[in-house]
N, C-alpha and C. Protein backbone atom coordinates (compact mmCIF):
# COMPACT_ATOMS: atom_id res chain seq x y z
N MET A 1 30.35 141.21 47.71
CA MET A 1 30.23 139.99 48.39
C MET A 1 31.32 139.01 47.99
N LYS A 2 31.75 139.12 46.84
CA LYS A 2 32.84 138.26 46.39
C LYS A 2 34.07 138.45 47.26
N ILE A 3 34.32 139.65 47.65
CA ILE A 3 35.52 139.93 48.45
C ILE A 3 35.38 139.26 49.82
N VAL A 4 34.24 139.25 50.39
CA VAL A 4 34.04 138.62 51.70
C VAL A 4 34.22 137.12 51.57
N ILE A 5 33.72 136.55 50.50
CA ILE A 5 33.84 135.09 50.30
C ILE A 5 35.31 134.74 50.12
N TYR A 6 36.02 135.58 49.30
CA TYR A 6 37.45 135.31 49.11
C TYR A 6 38.21 135.44 50.44
N ALA A 7 37.84 136.39 51.23
CA ALA A 7 38.51 136.58 52.52
C ALA A 7 38.22 135.40 53.44
N LEU A 8 36.98 134.91 53.46
CA LEU A 8 36.65 133.75 54.29
C LEU A 8 37.37 132.50 53.80
N ILE A 9 37.46 132.33 52.48
CA ILE A 9 38.18 131.16 51.94
C ILE A 9 39.66 131.25 52.34
N GLY A 10 40.26 132.43 52.29
CA GLY A 10 41.66 132.61 52.67
C GLY A 10 41.90 132.29 54.13
N ILE A 11 40.96 132.80 54.98
CA ILE A 11 41.10 132.55 56.42
C ILE A 11 40.92 131.07 56.72
N MET A 12 39.95 130.45 56.07
CA MET A 12 39.70 129.03 56.28
C MET A 12 40.89 128.20 55.76
N SER A 13 41.48 128.59 54.64
CA SER A 13 42.66 127.89 54.11
C SER A 13 43.83 128.00 55.09
N PHE A 14 43.99 129.23 55.63
CA PHE A 14 45.07 129.44 56.60
C PHE A 14 44.86 128.57 57.83
N ALA A 15 43.62 128.51 58.33
CA ALA A 15 43.30 127.71 59.51
C ALA A 15 43.50 126.23 59.22
N ALA A 16 43.13 125.78 58.01
CA ALA A 16 43.30 124.37 57.64
C ALA A 16 44.79 124.03 57.57
N CYS A 17 45.56 124.93 56.96
CA CYS A 17 47.03 124.69 56.87
C CYS A 17 47.65 124.64 58.26
N LEU A 18 47.21 125.56 59.11
CA LEU A 18 47.72 125.60 60.47
C LEU A 18 47.37 124.30 61.21
N ALA A 19 46.13 123.85 61.04
CA ALA A 19 45.68 122.62 61.69
C ALA A 19 46.47 121.42 61.18
N LEU A 20 46.73 121.36 59.87
CA LEU A 20 47.53 120.25 59.32
C LEU A 20 48.95 120.27 59.85
N MET A 21 49.52 121.47 59.95
CA MET A 21 50.89 121.57 60.48
C MET A 21 50.94 121.09 61.93
N LEU A 22 49.98 121.52 62.71
CA LEU A 22 49.94 121.08 64.10
C LEU A 22 49.72 119.57 64.19
N PHE A 23 48.89 119.04 63.31
CA PHE A 23 48.63 117.61 63.30
C PHE A 23 49.91 116.83 62.98
N PHE A 24 50.64 117.24 61.94
CA PHE A 24 51.85 116.51 61.53
C PHE A 24 52.99 116.67 62.54
N THR A 25 53.03 117.75 63.25
CA THR A 25 54.08 117.92 64.26
C THR A 25 53.70 117.29 65.59
N GLY A 26 52.48 116.81 65.72
CA GLY A 26 52.04 116.15 66.94
C GLY A 26 51.59 117.13 68.00
N ASN A 27 51.38 118.38 67.65
CA ASN A 27 50.97 119.39 68.62
C ASN A 27 49.48 119.71 68.57
N LEU A 28 48.72 118.93 67.86
CA LEU A 28 47.28 119.18 67.74
C LEU A 28 46.57 118.47 68.89
N ASN A 29 46.41 119.20 69.98
CA ASN A 29 45.66 118.69 71.11
C ASN A 29 44.85 119.83 71.70
N GLN A 30 44.08 119.54 72.71
CA GLN A 30 43.18 120.55 73.27
C GLN A 30 43.96 121.72 73.83
N GLU A 31 45.02 121.48 74.47
CA GLU A 31 45.81 122.55 75.07
C GLU A 31 46.37 123.48 74.00
N ALA A 32 46.88 122.90 72.89
CA ALA A 32 47.43 123.72 71.82
C ALA A 32 46.33 124.54 71.15
N LEU A 33 45.18 123.94 70.96
CA LEU A 33 44.06 124.67 70.35
C LEU A 33 43.62 125.83 71.24
N ASP A 34 43.56 125.61 72.53
CA ASP A 34 43.16 126.67 73.45
C ASP A 34 44.17 127.81 73.42
N ARG A 35 45.45 127.47 73.36
CA ARG A 35 46.47 128.51 73.30
C ARG A 35 46.36 129.28 71.99
N LEU A 36 46.09 128.57 70.93
CA LEU A 36 45.98 129.20 69.62
C LEU A 36 44.78 130.13 69.55
N LEU A 37 43.69 129.67 70.10
CA LEU A 37 42.47 130.46 70.04
C LEU A 37 42.39 131.47 71.17
N GLY A 38 43.33 131.41 72.09
CA GLY A 38 43.38 132.39 73.17
C GLY A 38 42.47 132.05 74.31
N GLY A 39 41.96 130.86 74.37
CA GLY A 39 41.08 130.46 75.45
C GLY A 39 41.91 130.00 76.65
N GLU A 40 41.20 129.81 77.73
CA GLU A 40 41.89 129.33 78.91
C GLU A 40 42.10 127.84 78.79
N THR A 41 43.19 127.42 79.38
CA THR A 41 43.51 126.00 79.31
C THR A 41 42.83 125.30 80.46
N ALA A 42 42.11 124.28 80.12
CA ALA A 42 41.45 123.47 81.14
C ALA A 42 42.40 122.34 81.51
N PRO A 43 42.45 121.99 82.76
CA PRO A 43 43.33 120.87 83.13
C PRO A 43 42.89 119.62 82.42
N VAL A 44 43.84 119.03 81.76
CA VAL A 44 43.56 117.84 80.97
C VAL A 44 44.22 116.66 81.68
N GLU A 45 43.46 115.63 81.89
CA GLU A 45 44.03 114.43 82.49
C GLU A 45 44.85 113.70 81.46
N LYS A 46 45.93 113.17 81.94
CA LYS A 46 46.83 112.47 81.02
C LYS A 46 46.21 111.14 80.66
N ALA A 47 46.36 110.83 79.41
CA ALA A 47 45.83 109.56 78.93
C ALA A 47 46.72 108.45 79.45
N PRO A 48 46.24 107.23 79.53
CA PRO A 48 47.05 106.12 80.02
C PRO A 48 48.31 105.91 79.17
N GLU A 49 48.22 106.26 77.89
CA GLU A 49 49.39 106.10 77.03
C GLU A 49 50.50 107.04 77.45
N GLN A 50 50.12 108.26 77.93
CA GLN A 50 51.13 109.22 78.34
C GLN A 50 51.69 108.86 79.71
N ALA A 51 50.93 108.25 80.57
CA ALA A 51 51.40 107.88 81.90
C ALA A 51 52.37 106.70 81.83
N ALA A 52 52.21 105.87 80.84
CA ALA A 52 53.06 104.68 80.72
C ALA A 52 54.54 105.03 80.54
N PRO A 53 54.89 106.02 79.69
CA PRO A 53 56.31 106.33 79.56
C PRO A 53 56.92 106.81 80.87
N VAL A 54 56.16 107.53 81.69
CA VAL A 54 56.68 107.99 82.97
C VAL A 54 56.95 106.78 83.87
N ASP A 55 56.01 105.81 83.88
CA ASP A 55 56.21 104.60 84.67
C ASP A 55 57.41 103.82 84.16
N GLU A 56 57.54 103.77 82.84
CA GLU A 56 58.68 103.07 82.26
C GLU A 56 59.98 103.73 82.67
N LEU A 57 60.02 105.04 82.65
CA LEU A 57 61.22 105.77 83.06
C LEU A 57 61.53 105.51 84.52
N GLY A 58 60.47 105.46 85.34
CA GLY A 58 60.68 105.17 86.76
C GLY A 58 61.27 103.79 86.98
N SER A 59 60.76 102.79 86.25
CA SER A 59 61.30 101.43 86.41
C SER A 59 62.71 101.35 85.86
N LEU A 60 62.97 102.06 84.77
CA LEU A 60 64.33 102.11 84.23
C LEU A 60 65.28 102.76 85.22
N ALA A 61 64.83 103.83 85.86
CA ALA A 61 65.65 104.50 86.86
C ALA A 61 65.92 103.58 88.04
N ASP A 62 64.90 102.82 88.47
CA ASP A 62 65.08 101.87 89.57
C ASP A 62 66.09 100.79 89.20
N ARG A 63 65.95 100.27 87.97
CA ARG A 63 66.90 99.24 87.53
C ARG A 63 68.31 99.80 87.43
N LEU A 64 68.42 101.04 86.96
CA LEU A 64 69.72 101.68 86.86
C LEU A 64 70.34 101.86 88.24
N LYS A 65 69.52 102.25 89.22
CA LYS A 65 70.03 102.40 90.58
C LYS A 65 70.49 101.07 91.15
N LYS A 66 69.72 100.02 90.87
CA LYS A 66 70.11 98.68 91.34
C LYS A 66 71.43 98.25 90.71
N LYS A 67 71.57 98.50 89.40
CA LYS A 67 72.82 98.15 88.71
C LYS A 67 74.00 98.94 89.28
N GLU A 68 73.77 100.22 89.55
CA GLU A 68 74.82 101.04 90.14
C GLU A 68 75.23 100.50 91.51
N ALA A 69 74.24 100.09 92.31
CA ALA A 69 74.52 99.52 93.62
C ALA A 69 75.31 98.22 93.47
N GLU A 70 74.90 97.38 92.51
CA GLU A 70 75.62 96.13 92.26
C GLU A 70 77.05 96.41 91.82
N LEU A 71 77.21 97.39 90.94
CA LEU A 71 78.55 97.74 90.46
C LEU A 71 79.42 98.29 91.61
N ARG A 72 78.84 99.10 92.47
CA ARG A 72 79.60 99.61 93.62
C ARG A 72 80.02 98.46 94.53
N LYS A 73 79.09 97.54 94.76
CA LYS A 73 79.41 96.38 95.61
C LYS A 73 80.50 95.53 94.97
N ARG A 74 80.39 95.32 93.68
CA ARG A 74 81.41 94.54 92.94
C ARG A 74 82.77 95.24 92.98
N GLN A 75 82.74 96.57 92.85
CA GLN A 75 83.98 97.34 92.91
C GLN A 75 84.62 97.22 94.29
N GLU A 76 83.79 97.25 95.34
CA GLU A 76 84.31 97.07 96.70
C GLU A 76 84.94 95.70 96.86
N GLN A 77 84.29 94.67 96.32
CA GLN A 77 84.85 93.31 96.39
C GLN A 77 86.18 93.25 95.65
N LEU A 78 86.23 93.86 94.47
CA LEU A 78 87.47 93.86 93.70
C LEU A 78 88.57 94.61 94.44
N ASP A 79 88.21 95.72 95.08
CA ASP A 79 89.20 96.47 95.86
C ASP A 79 89.73 95.63 97.02
N GLN A 80 88.82 94.90 97.69
CA GLN A 80 89.24 94.02 98.79
C GLN A 80 90.17 92.93 98.28
N ARG A 81 89.83 92.33 97.14
CA ARG A 81 90.69 91.28 96.57
C ARG A 81 92.05 91.84 96.18
N GLU A 82 92.03 93.03 95.63
CA GLU A 82 93.30 93.65 95.24
C GLU A 82 94.16 93.90 96.48
N THR A 83 93.54 94.35 97.56
CA THR A 83 94.27 94.57 98.81
C THR A 83 94.83 93.24 99.32
N GLN A 84 94.02 92.19 99.27
CA GLN A 84 94.49 90.87 99.72
C GLN A 84 95.65 90.39 98.85
N LEU A 85 95.52 90.58 97.55
CA LEU A 85 96.59 90.15 96.65
C LEU A 85 97.87 90.93 96.92
N ASN A 86 97.74 92.21 97.17
CA ASN A 86 98.93 93.02 97.48
C ASN A 86 99.59 92.55 98.77
N GLU A 87 98.77 92.22 99.78
CA GLU A 87 99.30 91.70 101.04
C GLU A 87 100.01 90.37 100.81
N ARG A 88 99.39 89.50 100.03
CA ARG A 88 100.00 88.19 99.76
C ARG A 88 101.29 88.35 98.97
N GLU A 89 101.29 89.28 98.03
CA GLU A 89 102.50 89.52 97.25
C GLU A 89 103.63 90.01 98.17
N THR A 90 103.30 90.89 99.09
CA THR A 90 104.29 91.38 100.05
C THR A 90 104.81 90.22 100.90
N ASN A 91 103.89 89.37 101.37
CA ASN A 91 104.30 88.20 102.17
C ASN A 91 105.21 87.29 101.36
N LEU A 92 104.85 87.05 100.09
CA LEU A 92 105.68 86.20 99.25
C LEU A 92 107.06 86.80 99.04
N GLN A 93 107.13 88.10 98.86
CA GLN A 93 108.42 88.74 98.69
C GLN A 93 109.26 88.60 99.95
N GLN A 94 108.62 88.71 101.11
CA GLN A 94 109.34 88.51 102.38
C GLN A 94 109.84 87.07 102.50
N LEU A 95 108.98 86.12 102.11
CA LEU A 95 109.38 84.71 102.18
C LEU A 95 110.55 84.43 101.22
N VAL A 96 110.48 85.00 100.04
CA VAL A 96 111.57 84.81 99.07
C VAL A 96 112.86 85.39 99.63
N ALA A 97 112.78 86.56 100.26
CA ALA A 97 113.98 87.17 100.85
C ALA A 97 114.53 86.28 101.96
N GLN A 98 113.64 85.72 102.79
CA GLN A 98 114.08 84.82 103.85
C GLN A 98 114.73 83.57 103.27
N MET A 99 114.12 83.03 102.20
CA MET A 99 114.69 81.83 101.57
C MET A 99 116.07 82.12 100.99
N GLU A 100 116.21 83.29 100.37
CA GLU A 100 117.52 83.64 99.81
C GLU A 100 118.55 83.79 100.91
N THR A 101 118.15 84.36 102.05
CA THR A 101 119.06 84.49 103.19
C THR A 101 119.46 83.11 103.69
N LEU A 102 118.45 82.22 103.83
CA LEU A 102 118.75 80.86 104.28
C LEU A 102 119.65 80.12 103.30
N ARG A 103 119.37 80.31 102.00
CA ARG A 103 120.20 79.66 100.99
C ARG A 103 121.65 80.14 101.10
N ALA A 104 121.82 81.44 101.31
CA ALA A 104 123.17 81.99 101.44
C ALA A 104 123.86 81.41 102.67
N GLU A 105 123.10 81.29 103.78
CA GLU A 105 123.66 80.70 105.00
C GLU A 105 124.03 79.23 104.78
N ILE A 106 123.15 78.50 104.11
CA ILE A 106 123.42 77.07 103.84
C ILE A 106 124.64 76.93 102.94
N ASP A 107 124.70 77.76 101.89
CA ASP A 107 125.87 77.72 100.99
C ASP A 107 127.15 78.03 101.74
N ALA A 108 127.08 79.01 102.64
CA ALA A 108 128.27 79.36 103.43
C ALA A 108 128.65 78.20 104.34
N THR A 109 127.67 77.55 104.95
CA THR A 109 127.94 76.40 105.82
C THR A 109 128.54 75.25 105.03
N ILE A 110 127.98 75.00 103.84
CA ILE A 110 128.52 73.93 102.99
C ILE A 110 129.95 74.25 102.59
N ASP A 111 130.21 75.49 102.23
CA ASP A 111 131.57 75.89 101.85
C ASP A 111 132.53 75.70 103.02
N ASP A 112 132.08 76.10 104.23
CA ASP A 112 132.92 75.94 105.42
C ASP A 112 133.22 74.47 105.68
N ARG A 113 132.20 73.64 105.56
CA ARG A 113 132.40 72.20 105.79
C ARG A 113 133.32 71.58 104.74
N GLU A 114 133.16 72.02 103.49
CA GLU A 114 134.04 71.52 102.44
C GLU A 114 135.49 71.92 102.72
N LYS A 115 135.68 73.14 103.19
CA LYS A 115 137.03 73.59 103.52
C LYS A 115 137.61 72.78 104.67
N GLU A 116 136.77 72.55 105.70
CA GLU A 116 137.20 71.73 106.84
C GLU A 116 137.55 70.31 106.38
N ARG A 117 136.71 69.77 105.53
CA ARG A 117 136.94 68.41 105.01
C ARG A 117 138.24 68.37 104.22
N ALA A 118 138.45 69.37 103.38
CA ALA A 118 139.67 69.41 102.58
C ALA A 118 140.90 69.51 103.50
N LYS A 119 140.79 70.29 104.57
CA LYS A 119 141.92 70.40 105.53
C LYS A 119 142.17 69.05 106.20
N ARG A 120 141.09 68.38 106.62
CA ARG A 120 141.25 67.06 107.27
C ARG A 120 141.90 66.06 106.33
N LEU A 121 141.42 66.05 105.08
CA LEU A 121 141.98 65.10 104.11
C LEU A 121 143.44 65.43 103.81
N GLU A 122 143.76 66.70 103.76
CA GLU A 122 145.15 67.10 103.52
C GLU A 122 146.02 66.69 104.70
N SER A 123 145.47 66.83 105.91
CA SER A 123 146.20 66.41 107.12
C SER A 123 146.46 64.91 107.08
N ILE A 124 145.45 64.15 106.67
CA ILE A 124 145.62 62.68 106.55
C ILE A 124 146.69 62.37 105.52
N ALA A 125 146.67 63.10 104.40
CA ALA A 125 147.66 62.86 103.34
C ALA A 125 149.07 63.14 103.84
N VAL A 126 149.24 64.21 104.60
CA VAL A 126 150.57 64.54 105.13
C VAL A 126 151.04 63.45 106.08
N ARG A 127 150.17 62.96 106.92
CA ARG A 127 150.53 61.88 107.85
C ARG A 127 150.88 60.60 107.10
N MET A 128 150.11 60.32 106.03
CA MET A 128 150.36 59.09 105.26
C MET A 128 151.69 59.18 104.53
N GLU A 129 152.08 60.37 104.11
CA GLU A 129 153.39 60.53 103.46
C GLU A 129 154.51 60.19 104.43
N ALA A 130 154.29 60.46 105.71
CA ALA A 130 155.31 60.18 106.73
C ALA A 130 155.38 58.70 107.09
N MET A 131 154.33 57.94 106.78
CA MET A 131 154.30 56.51 107.11
C MET A 131 155.10 55.70 106.09
N LYS A 132 155.37 54.45 106.49
CA LYS A 132 155.97 53.51 105.54
C LYS A 132 154.89 53.16 104.52
N PRO A 133 155.28 52.88 103.28
CA PRO A 133 154.31 52.61 102.23
C PRO A 133 153.32 51.48 102.53
N ASP A 134 153.75 50.40 103.17
CA ASP A 134 152.82 49.30 103.43
C ASP A 134 151.78 49.66 104.48
N LYS A 135 152.17 50.42 105.51
CA LYS A 135 151.21 50.88 106.52
C LYS A 135 150.25 51.92 105.91
N ALA A 136 150.81 52.81 105.09
CA ALA A 136 149.98 53.82 104.42
C ALA A 136 148.98 53.14 103.49
N ALA A 137 149.38 52.05 102.84
CA ALA A 137 148.49 51.32 101.94
C ALA A 137 147.33 50.71 102.72
N LYS A 138 147.60 50.16 103.93
CA LYS A 138 146.54 49.60 104.76
C LYS A 138 145.53 50.69 105.17
N VAL A 139 146.06 51.85 105.58
CA VAL A 139 145.19 52.95 105.99
C VAL A 139 144.34 53.43 104.80
N LEU A 140 144.97 53.54 103.63
CA LEU A 140 144.26 53.98 102.42
C LEU A 140 143.19 52.97 102.04
N LYS A 141 143.48 51.66 102.18
CA LYS A 141 142.50 50.62 101.86
C LYS A 141 141.30 50.73 102.80
N GLU A 142 141.54 50.91 104.11
CA GLU A 142 140.44 51.05 105.07
C GLU A 142 139.61 52.31 104.77
N LEU A 143 140.30 53.38 104.41
CA LEU A 143 139.59 54.61 104.06
C LEU A 143 138.74 54.41 102.80
N ALA A 144 139.30 53.63 101.84
CA ALA A 144 138.57 53.36 100.60
C ALA A 144 137.36 52.48 100.87
N ASP A 145 137.47 51.58 101.83
CA ASP A 145 136.33 50.73 102.19
C ASP A 145 135.19 51.56 102.78
N GLU A 146 135.54 52.59 103.58
CA GLU A 146 134.53 53.44 104.20
C GLU A 146 134.00 54.49 103.23
N ASN A 147 134.93 55.16 102.54
CA ASN A 147 134.53 56.26 101.66
C ASN A 147 135.52 56.35 100.50
N PRO A 148 135.20 55.75 99.36
CA PRO A 148 136.15 55.73 98.23
C PRO A 148 136.51 57.13 97.72
N GLU A 149 135.55 58.06 97.81
CA GLU A 149 135.84 59.42 97.34
C GLU A 149 136.91 60.08 98.20
N ASP A 150 136.79 59.93 99.53
CA ASP A 150 137.81 60.51 100.42
C ASP A 150 139.17 59.86 100.18
N ALA A 151 139.17 58.54 99.97
CA ALA A 151 140.44 57.85 99.72
C ALA A 151 141.09 58.39 98.44
N ALA A 152 140.29 58.62 97.41
CA ALA A 152 140.83 59.14 96.16
C ALA A 152 141.35 60.56 96.34
N ARG A 153 140.65 61.36 97.12
CA ARG A 153 141.11 62.74 97.37
C ARG A 153 142.42 62.74 98.17
N VAL A 154 142.53 61.87 99.19
CA VAL A 154 143.77 61.78 99.96
C VAL A 154 144.91 61.32 99.06
N PHE A 155 144.64 60.30 98.27
CA PHE A 155 145.66 59.78 97.36
C PHE A 155 146.13 60.87 96.38
N ASN A 156 145.22 61.67 95.91
CA ASN A 156 145.54 62.74 94.97
C ASN A 156 146.39 63.83 95.63
N THR A 157 146.23 64.02 96.95
CA THR A 157 146.96 65.06 97.69
C THR A 157 148.39 64.62 98.02
N ILE A 158 148.61 63.31 98.12
CA ILE A 158 149.95 62.78 98.47
C ILE A 158 150.92 63.10 97.33
N LYS A 159 152.14 63.43 97.71
CA LYS A 159 153.18 63.72 96.71
C LYS A 159 153.33 62.54 95.76
N THR A 160 153.69 62.82 94.54
CA THR A 160 153.72 61.81 93.47
C THR A 160 154.65 60.65 93.82
N GLN A 161 155.83 60.92 94.32
CA GLN A 161 156.81 59.85 94.61
C GLN A 161 156.27 58.94 95.71
N GLU A 162 155.69 59.53 96.77
CA GLU A 162 155.14 58.73 97.87
C GLU A 162 153.88 57.99 97.41
N ALA A 163 153.08 58.62 96.55
CA ALA A 163 151.85 58.00 96.06
C ALA A 163 152.18 56.74 95.25
N GLY A 164 153.25 56.80 94.47
CA GLY A 164 153.66 55.62 93.71
C GLY A 164 154.04 54.47 94.61
N LYS A 165 154.77 54.74 95.67
CA LYS A 165 155.18 53.68 96.61
C LYS A 165 153.96 53.07 97.30
N ILE A 166 153.01 53.94 97.71
CA ILE A 166 151.78 53.44 98.38
C ILE A 166 150.95 52.62 97.40
N LEU A 167 150.87 53.05 96.15
CA LEU A 167 150.12 52.33 95.12
C LEU A 167 150.72 50.95 94.89
N ASP A 168 152.08 50.85 94.92
CA ASP A 168 152.75 49.55 94.77
C ASP A 168 152.41 48.63 95.93
N ALA A 169 152.26 49.18 97.14
CA ALA A 169 151.99 48.37 98.33
C ALA A 169 150.52 47.93 98.40
N LEU A 170 149.64 48.56 97.65
CA LEU A 170 148.21 48.22 97.68
C LEU A 170 147.94 46.96 96.87
N ASP A 171 146.90 46.24 97.26
CA ASP A 171 146.40 45.12 96.49
C ASP A 171 145.91 45.68 95.15
N PRO A 172 146.11 44.98 94.02
CA PRO A 172 145.71 45.52 92.71
C PRO A 172 144.24 45.90 92.62
N SER A 173 143.35 45.14 93.24
CA SER A 173 141.92 45.48 93.16
C SER A 173 141.62 46.77 93.93
N ASP A 174 142.28 46.97 95.08
CA ASP A 174 142.10 48.20 95.85
C ASP A 174 142.68 49.39 95.10
N ALA A 175 143.85 49.19 94.49
CA ALA A 175 144.49 50.26 93.72
C ALA A 175 143.59 50.66 92.54
N THR A 176 142.99 49.66 91.88
CA THR A 176 142.10 49.94 90.74
C THR A 176 140.88 50.71 91.21
N ARG A 177 140.33 50.30 92.33
CA ARG A 177 139.14 50.98 92.86
C ARG A 177 139.45 52.46 93.18
N ILE A 178 140.58 52.72 93.80
CA ILE A 178 140.96 54.10 94.15
C ILE A 178 141.22 54.91 92.89
N LEU A 179 141.89 54.32 91.91
CA LEU A 179 142.20 55.05 90.67
C LEU A 179 140.92 55.34 89.87
N ARG A 180 139.97 54.40 89.90
CA ARG A 180 138.69 54.65 89.21
C ARG A 180 137.94 55.83 89.87
N GLU A 181 137.96 55.84 91.17
CA GLU A 181 137.29 56.94 91.89
C GLU A 181 137.99 58.26 91.61
N LEU A 182 139.31 58.21 91.53
CA LEU A 182 140.08 59.41 91.20
C LEU A 182 139.72 59.90 89.80
N LYS A 183 139.57 58.97 88.87
CA LYS A 183 139.18 59.32 87.50
C LYS A 183 137.76 59.92 87.48
N ARG A 184 136.85 59.32 88.26
CA ARG A 184 135.48 59.83 88.34
C ARG A 184 135.44 61.26 88.88
N LEU A 185 136.32 61.56 89.83
CA LEU A 185 136.36 62.90 90.38
C LEU A 185 136.96 63.91 89.40
N GLY A 186 137.60 63.40 88.37
CA GLY A 186 138.14 64.29 87.34
C GLY A 186 139.55 64.75 87.61
N ASN A 187 140.29 64.06 88.42
CA ASN A 187 141.67 64.45 88.73
C ASN A 187 142.63 63.48 88.10
């Protein structure tokens, strides 16, 4: 009889150890016991605690889908803005190119006018060299009254010997005014 008691104690110890292991691993439930004992599994209704994580996962999935939709919408908006910015950048580059073309045209026009002006002033200087000094002085004075810079440029173009004679024929205040303008121009 001792052997039977020892055998029962061993089996009971094994069952207790098995039950403790299942308990600590979280697998001690009706379904696990039925599988262990070889019985049929009865459908077990889920406890409210077990249903809650599924509901939580569902709401998390819904929130994740909403965030994904928001992110897609935001990405579409950013793509549209990027397209608009690219279009505006292209427009600005075209405007800059047009402005540079206009600037080149304006510079060319200014250069042409300056050349024409220089030719006119040189023509006036040649004619004044042919005049008598007192008449040339009157013309230079009138030119200085209208535009002192032009008068100084004409005076600078006249040959030195003729310029001296015209300067002598000018009133001292007019001569000073023309020479000051000539100095201002850097000649």
